[in-house]
């Protein structure tokens, strides 16, 4: 996610502490948060898909997906 979008999420959160957000601001913040979370999940899955466990015998194996 771009730095400007992350800054905008922070800005909207700061505004919400001072006053109620308008409907448009709430919708913008929700959309930005969803985009941020989707990016975070993608990144985390990429890391996990490239993670290997080294057993006591020295063999590498991929992590299994949980069902």
PDB file of N, CA and C in Angstrom:
ATOM      1  N   UNK A   1       0.846  -1.172   0.000  1.00  0.00           N
ATOM      2  CA  UNK A   1       0.000   0.000   0.000  1.00  0.00           C
ATOM      3  C   UNK A   1       0.890   1.233   0.000  1.00  0.00           C
ATOM      4  N   UNK A   2       0.436   2.229  -0.699  1.00  0.00           N
ATOM      5  CA  UNK A   2       1.202   3.465  -0.816  1.00  0.00           C
ATOM      6  C   UNK A   2       1.229   4.225   0.502  1.00  0.00           C
ATOM      7  N   UNK A   3       2.304   4.930   0.733  1.00  0.00           N
ATOM      8  CA  UNK A   3       2.465   5.712   1.965  1.00  0.00           C
ATOM      9  C   UNK A   3       1.356   6.744   2.110  1.00  0.00           C
ATOM     10  N   UNK A   4       0.963   7.373   0.999  1.00  0.00           N
ATOM     11  CA  UNK A   4      -0.070   8.407   1.051  1.00  0.00           C
ATOM     12  C   UNK A   4      -1.400   7.828   1.547  1.00  0.00           C
ATOM     13  N   UNK A   5      -1.721   6.614   1.136  1.00  0.00           N
ATOM     14  CA  UNK A   5      -2.968   5.995   1.577  1.00  0.00           C
ATOM     15  C   UNK A   5      -2.903   5.635   3.056  1.00  0.00           C
ATOM     16  N   UNK A   6      -1.750   5.159   3.501  1.00  0.00           N
ATOM     17  CA  UNK A   6      -1.593   4.838   4.918  1.00  0.00           C
ATOM     18  C   UNK A   6      -1.687   6.105   5.762  1.00  0.00           C
ATOM     19  N   UNK A   7      -1.101   7.183   5.268  1.00  0.00           N
ATOM     20  CA  UNK A   7      -1.189   8.468   5.968  1.00  0.00           C
ATOM     21  C   UNK A   7      -2.635   8.945   6.043  1.00  0.00           C
ATOM     22  N   UNK A   8      -3.397   8.689   4.971  1.00  0.00           N
ATOM     23  CA  UNK A   8      -4.805   9.109   4.951  1.00  0.00           C
ATOM     24  C   UNK A   8      -5.611   8.320   5.974  1.00  0.00           C
ATOM     25  N   UNK A   9      -5.331   7.036   6.137  1.00  0.00           N
ATOM     26  CA  UNK A   9      -6.008   6.234   7.167  1.00  0.00           C
ATOM     27  C   UNK A   9      -5.717   6.834   8.543  1.00  0.00           C
ATOM     28  N   UNK A  10      -4.471   7.170   8.790  1.00  0.00           N
ATOM     29  CA  UNK A  10      -4.077   7.760  10.072  1.00  0.00           C
ATOM     30  C   UNK A  10      -4.759   9.109  10.283  1.00  0.00           C
ATOM     31  N   UNK A  11      -4.826   9.886   9.217  1.00  0.00           N
ATOM     32  CA  UNK A  11      -5.462  11.200   9.297  1.00  0.00           C
ATOM     33  C   UNK A  11      -6.951  11.066   9.640  1.00  0.00           C
ATOM     34  N   UNK A  12      -7.623  10.149   8.977  1.00  0.00           N
ATOM     35  CA  UNK A  12      -9.045   9.947   9.256  1.00  0.00           C
ATOM     36  C   UNK A  12      -9.264   9.436  10.674  1.00  0.00           C
ATOM     37  N   UNK A  13      -8.387   8.596  11.157  1.00  0.00           N
ATOM     38  CA  UNK A  13      -8.495   8.102  12.529  1.00  0.00           C
ATOM     39  C   UNK A  13      -8.311   9.235  13.526  1.00  0.00           C
ATOM     40  N   UNK A  14      -7.347  10.112  13.256  1.00  0.00           N
ATOM     41  CA  UNK A  14      -7.127  11.267  14.132  1.00  0.00           C
ATOM     42  C   UNK A  14      -8.346  12.182  14.126  1.00  0.00           C
ATOM     43  N   UNK A  15      -8.925  12.395  12.969  1.00  0.00           N
ATOM     44  CA  UNK A  15     -10.120  13.236  12.866  1.00  0.00           C
ATOM     45  C   UNK A  15     -11.268  12.615  13.650  1.00  0.00           C
ATOM     46  N   UNK A  16     -11.392  11.281  13.581  1.00  0.00           N
ATOM     47  CA  UNK A  16     -12.497  10.609  14.270  1.00  0.00           C
ATOM     48  C   UNK A  16     -12.399  10.753  15.787  1.00  0.00           C
ATOM     49  N   UNK A  17     -11.213  10.997  16.288  1.00  0.00           N
ATOM     50  CA  UNK A  17     -11.040  11.200  17.734  1.00  0.00           C
ATOM     51  C   UNK A  17     -11.488  12.581  18.165  1.00  0.00           C
ATOM     52  N   UNK A  18     -11.518  13.507  17.210  1.00  0.00           N
ATOM     53  CA  UNK A  18     -11.902  14.892  17.510  1.00  0.00           C
ATOM     54  C   UNK A  18     -13.397  15.108  17.256  1.00  0.00           C
ATOM     55  N   UNK A  19     -13.897  14.534  16.159  1.00  0.00           N
ATOM     56  CA  UNK A  19     -15.303  14.711  15.782  1.00  0.00           C
ATOM     57  C   UNK A  19     -15.790  13.476  15.049  1.00  0.00           C
ATOM     58  N   UNK A  20     -17.101  13.414  14.865  1.00  0.00           N
ATOM     59  CA  UNK A  20     -17.694  12.331  14.084  1.00  0.00           C
ATOM     60  C   UNK A  20     -17.290  12.468  12.632  1.00  0.00           C
ATOM     61  N   UNK A  21     -16.972  11.348  11.998  1.00  0.00           N
ATOM     62  CA  UNK A  21     -16.666  11.365  10.572  1.00  0.00           C
ATOM     63  C   UNK A  21     -17.965  11.441   9.776  1.00  0.00           C
ATOM     64  N   UNK A  22     -17.899  12.097   8.642  1.00  0.00           N
ATOM     65  CA  UNK A  22     -19.055  12.132   7.754  1.00  0.00           C
ATOM     66  C   UNK A  22     -19.208  10.756   7.111  1.00  0.00           C
ATOM     67  N   UNK A  23     -20.344  10.545   6.476  1.00  0.00           N
ATOM     68  CA  UNK A  23     -20.582   9.263   5.796  1.00  0.00           C
ATOM     69  C   UNK A  23     -19.512   8.995   4.737  1.00  0.00           C
ATOM     70  N   UNK A  24     -19.141  10.035   3.994  1.00  0.00           N
ATOM     71  CA  UNK A  24     -18.123   9.880   2.946  1.00  0.00           C
ATOM     72  C   UNK A  24     -16.771   9.531   3.551  1.00  0.00           C
ATOM     73  N   UNK A  25     -16.422  10.172   4.659  1.00  0.00           N
ATOM     74  CA  UNK A  25     -15.143   9.888   5.320  1.00  0.00           C
ATOM     75  C   UNK A  25     -15.125   8.475   5.892  1.00  0.00           C
ATOM     76  N   UNK A  26     -16.253   8.047   6.460  1.00  0.00           N
ATOM     77  CA  UNK A  26     -16.336   6.687   6.992  1.00  0.00           C
ATOM     78  C   UNK A  26     -16.174   5.662   5.881  1.00  0.00           C
ATOM     79  N   UNK A  27     -16.835   5.913   4.753  1.00  0.00           N
ATOM     80  CA  UNK A  27     -16.728   4.990   3.617  1.00  0.00           C
ATOM     81  C   UNK A  27     -15.301   4.955   3.077  1.00  0.00           C
ATOM     82  N   UNK A  28     -14.655   6.128   3.003  1.00  0.00           N
ATOM     83  CA  UNK A  28     -13.268   6.189   2.524  1.00  0.00           C
ATOM     84  C   UNK A  28     -12.341   5.418   3.449  1.00  0.00           C
ATOM     85  N   UNK A  29     -12.512   5.634   4.755  1.00  0.00           N
ATOM     86  CA  UNK A  29     -11.662   4.945   5.731  1.00  0.00           C
ATOM     87  C   UNK A  29     -11.877   3.436   5.661  1.00  0.00           C
ATOM     88  N   UNK A  30     -13.125   3.009   5.519  1.00  0.00           N
ATOM     89  CA  UNK A  30     -13.413   1.577   5.435  1.00  0.00           C
ATOM     90  C   UNK A  30     -12.758   0.968   4.194  1.00  0.00           C
ATOM     91  N   UNK A  31     -12.867   1.651   3.059  1.00  0.00           N
ATOM     92  CA  UNK A  31     -12.274   1.140   1.817  1.00  0.00           C
ATOM     93  C   UNK A  31     -10.756   1.070   1.927  1.00  0.00           C
ATOM     94  N   UNK A  32     -10.147   2.099   2.509  1.00  0.00           N
ATOM     95  CA  UNK A  32      -8.689   2.103   2.666  1.00  0.00           C
ATOM     96  C   UNK A  32      -8.236   1.002   3.613  1.00  0.00           C
ATOM     97  N   UNK A  33      -8.974   0.800   4.695  1.00  0.00           N
ATOM     98  CA  UNK A  33      -8.624  -0.262   5.642  1.00  0.00           C
ATOM     99  C   UNK A  33      -8.719  -1.637   4.983  1.00  0.00           C
ATOM    100  N   UNK A  34      -9.788  -1.850   4.204  1.00  0.00           N
ATOM    101  CA  UNK A  34      -9.944  -3.132   3.521  1.00  0.00           C
ATOM    102  C   UNK A  34      -8.812  -3.371   2.537  1.00  0.00           C
ATOM    103  N   UNK A  35      -8.404  -2.320   1.826  1.00  0.00           N
ATOM    104  CA  UNK A  35      -7.288  -2.447   0.894  1.00  0.00           C
ATOM    105  C   UNK A  35      -5.996  -2.777   1.642  1.00  0.00           C
ATOM    106  N   UNK A  36      -5.785  -2.116   2.774  1.00  0.00           N
ATOM    107  CA  UNK A  36      -4.590  -2.364   3.587  1.00  0.00           C
ATOM    108  C   UNK A  36      -4.567  -3.816   4.083  1.00  0.00           C
ATOM    109  N   UNK A  37      -5.694  -4.285   4.606  1.00  0.00           N
ATOM    110  CA  UNK A  37      -5.769  -5.644   5.143  1.00  0.00           C
ATOM    111  C   UNK A  37      -5.576  -6.676   4.034  1.00  0.00           C
ATOM    112  N   UNK A  38      -6.154  -6.429   2.864  1.00  0.00           N
ATOM    113  CA  UNK A  38      -5.980  -7.357   1.733  1.00  0.00           C
ATOM    114  C   UNK A  38      -4.504  -7.442   1.337  1.00  0.00           C
ATOM    115  N   UNK A  39      -3.824  -6.319   1.302  1.00  0.00           N
ATOM    116  CA  UNK A  39      -2.394  -6.305   0.988  1.00  0.00           C
ATOM    117  C   UNK A  39      -1.577  -7.028   2.043  1.00  0.00           C
ATOM    118  N   UNK A  40      -1.941  -6.824   3.304  1.00  0.00           N
ATOM    119  CA  UNK A  40      -1.236  -7.481   4.403  1.00  0.00           C
ATOM    120  C   UNK A  40      -1.401  -8.994   4.302  1.00  0.00           C
ATOM    121  N   UNK A  41      -2.623  -9.434   4.020  1.00  0.00           N
ATOM    122  CA  UNK A  41      -2.873 -10.875   3.895  1.00  0.00           C
ATOM    123  C   UNK A  41      -2.083 -11.475   2.737  1.00  0.00           C
ATOM    124  N   UNK A  42      -2.076 -10.772   1.599  1.00  0.00           N
ATOM    125  CA  UNK A  42      -1.314 -11.248   0.429  1.00  0.00           C
ATOM    126  C   UNK A  42       0.156 -11.392   0.783  1.00  0.00           C
ATOM    127  N   UNK A  43       0.691 -10.394   1.442  1.00  0.00           N
ATOM    128  CA  UNK A  43       2.099 -10.395   1.821  1.00  0.00           C
ATOM    129  C   UNK A  43       2.404 -11.536   2.791  1.00  0.00           C
ATOM    130  N   UNK A  44       1.546 -11.728   3.763  1.00  0.00           N
ATOM    131  CA  UNK A  44       1.752 -12.786   4.748  1.00  0.00           C
ATOM    132  C   UNK A  44       1.679 -14.163   4.093  1.00  0.00           C
ATOM    133  N   UNK A  45       0.718 -14.352   3.188  1.00  0.00           N
ATOM    134  CA  UNK A  45       0.620 -15.634   2.489  1.00  0.00           C
ATOM    135  C   UNK A  45       1.854 -15.891   1.637  1.00  0.00           C
ATOM    136  N   UNK A  46       2.375 -14.854   0.987  1.00  0.00           N
ATOM    137  CA  UNK A  46       3.598 -15.016   0.195  1.00  0.00           C
ATOM    138  C   UNK A  46       4.755 -15.486   1.065  1.00  0.00           C
ATOM    139  N   UNK A  47       4.876 -14.899   2.243  1.00  0.00           N
ATOM    140  CA  UNK A  47       5.950 -15.301   3.160  1.00  0.00           C
ATOM    141  C   UNK A  47       5.760 -16.749   3.588  1.00  0.00           C
ATOM    142  N   UNK A  48       4.528 -17.099   3.963  1.00  0.00           N
ATOM    143  CA  UNK A  48       4.281 -18.461   4.433  1.00  0.00           C
ATOM    144  C   UNK A  48       4.460 -19.499   3.328  1.00  0.00           C
ATOM    145  N   UNK A  49       4.114 -19.141   2.100  1.00  0.00           N
ATOM    146  CA  UNK A  49       4.277 -20.081   0.991  1.00  0.00           C
ATOM    147  C   UNK A  49       5.746 -20.331   0.666  1.00  0.00           C
ATOM    148  N   UNK A  50       6.608 -19.441   1.099  1.00  0.00           N
ATOM    149  CA  UNK A  50       8.039 -19.601   0.850  1.00  0.00           C
ATOM    150  C   UNK A  50       8.811 -19.923   2.131  1.00  0.00           C
ATOM    151  N   UNK A  51       8.104 -20.462   3.113  1.00  0.00           N
ATOM    152  CA  UNK A  51       8.723 -20.835   4.383  1.00  0.00           C
ATOM    153  C   UNK A  51       8.900 -22.342   4.427  1.00  0.00           C
ATOM    154  N   UNK A  52      10.070 -22.763   4.831  1.00  0.00           N
ATOM    155  CA  UNK A  52      10.376 -24.182   4.922  1.00  0.00           C
ATOM    156  C   UNK A  52      10.768 -24.514   6.355  1.00  0.00           C
ATOM    157  N   UNK A  53      10.448 -25.735   6.752  1.00  0.00           N
ATOM    158  CA  UNK A  53      10.827 -26.252   8.060  1.00  0.00           C
ATOM    159  C   UNK A  53      11.976 -27.230   7.834  1.00  0.00           C
ATOM    160  N   UNK A  54      13.037 -27.091   8.619  1.00  0.00           N
ATOM    161  CA  UNK A  54      14.162 -28.020   8.539  1.00  0.00           C
ATOM    162  C   UNK A  54      14.030 -28.995   9.695  1.00  0.00           C
ATOM    163  N   UNK A  55      13.862 -30.255   9.345  1.00  0.00           N
ATOM    164  CA  UNK A  55      13.691 -31.297  10.350  1.00  0.00           C
ATOM    165  C   UNK A  55      15.003 -31.678  11.000  1.00  0.00           C
ATOM    166  N   UNK A  56      14.932 -32.511  12.030  1.00  0.00           N
ATOM    167  CA  UNK A  56      16.146 -32.953  12.732  1.00  0.00           C
ATOM    168  C   UNK A  56      17.111 -33.708  11.827  1.00  0.00           C
ATOM    169  N   UNK A  57      16.571 -34.314  10.750  1.00  0.00           N
ATOM    170  CA  UNK A  57      17.422 -35.055   9.821  1.00  0.00           C
ATOM    171  C   UNK A  57      18.033 -34.139   8.758  1.00  0.00           C
ATOM    172  N   UNK A  58      17.698 -32.840   8.796  1.00  0.00           N
ATOM    173  CA  UNK A  58      18.263 -31.881   7.855  1.00  0.00           C
ATOM    174  C   UNK A  58      17.448 -31.683   6.591  1.00  0.00           C
ATOM    175  N   UNK A  59      16.344 -32.414   6.454  1.00  0.00           N
ATOM    176  CA  UNK A  59      15.502 -32.270   5.265  1.00  0.00           C
ATOM    177  C   UNK A  59      14.604 -31.040   5.397  1.00  0.00           C
ATOM    178  N   UNK A  60      14.453 -30.358   4.264  1.00  0.00           N
ATOM    179  CA  UNK A  60      13.551 -29.214   4.221  1.00  0.00           C
ATOM    180  C   UNK A  60      12.184 -29.672   3.740  1.00  0.00           C
ATOM    181  N   UNK A  61      11.142 -29.106   4.347  1.00  0.00           N
ATOM    182  CA  UNK A  61       9.792 -29.376   3.853  1.00  0.00           C
ATOM    183  C   UNK A  61       8.961 -28.107   3.967  1.00  0.00           C
ATOM    184  N   UNK A  62       8.032 -27.966   3.033  1.00  0.00           N
ATOM    185  CA  UNK A  62       7.149 -26.805   3.038  1.00  0.00           C
ATOM    186  C   UNK A  62       6.129 -26.920   4.149  1.00  0.00           C
ATOM    187  N   UNK A  63       5.651 -25.767   4.594  1.00  0.00           N
ATOM    188  CA  UNK A  63       4.543 -25.772   5.537  1.00  0.00           C
ATOM    189  C   UNK A  63       3.290 -26.257   4.835  1.00  0.00           C
ATOM    190  N   UNK A  64       2.491 -27.037   5.528  1.00  0.00           N
ATOM    191  CA  UNK A  64       1.215 -27.488   4.975  1.00  0.00           C
ATOM    192  C   UNK A  64       0.149 -26.434   5.251  1.00  0.00           C
ATOM    193  N   UNK A  65      -0.789 -26.282   4.307  1.00  0.00           N
ATOM    194  CA  UNK A  65      -1.899 -25.361   4.526  1.00  0.00           C
ATOM    195  C   UNK A  65      -2.874 -25.981   5.506  1.00  0.00           C
ATOM    196  N   UNK A  66      -3.403 -25.139   6.386  1.00  0.00           N
ATOM    197  CA  UNK A  66      -4.443 -25.612   7.306  1.00  0.00           C
ATOM    198  C   UNK A  66      -5.768 -25.576   6.584  1.00  0.00           C
ATOM    199  N   UNK A  67      -6.626 -26.503   6.936  1.00  0.00           N
ATOM    200  CA  UNK A  67      -7.933 -26.588   6.289  1.00  0.00           C
ATOM    201  C   UNK A  67      -8.970 -25.839   7.051  1.00  0.00           C
TER     202      UNK A  67
END
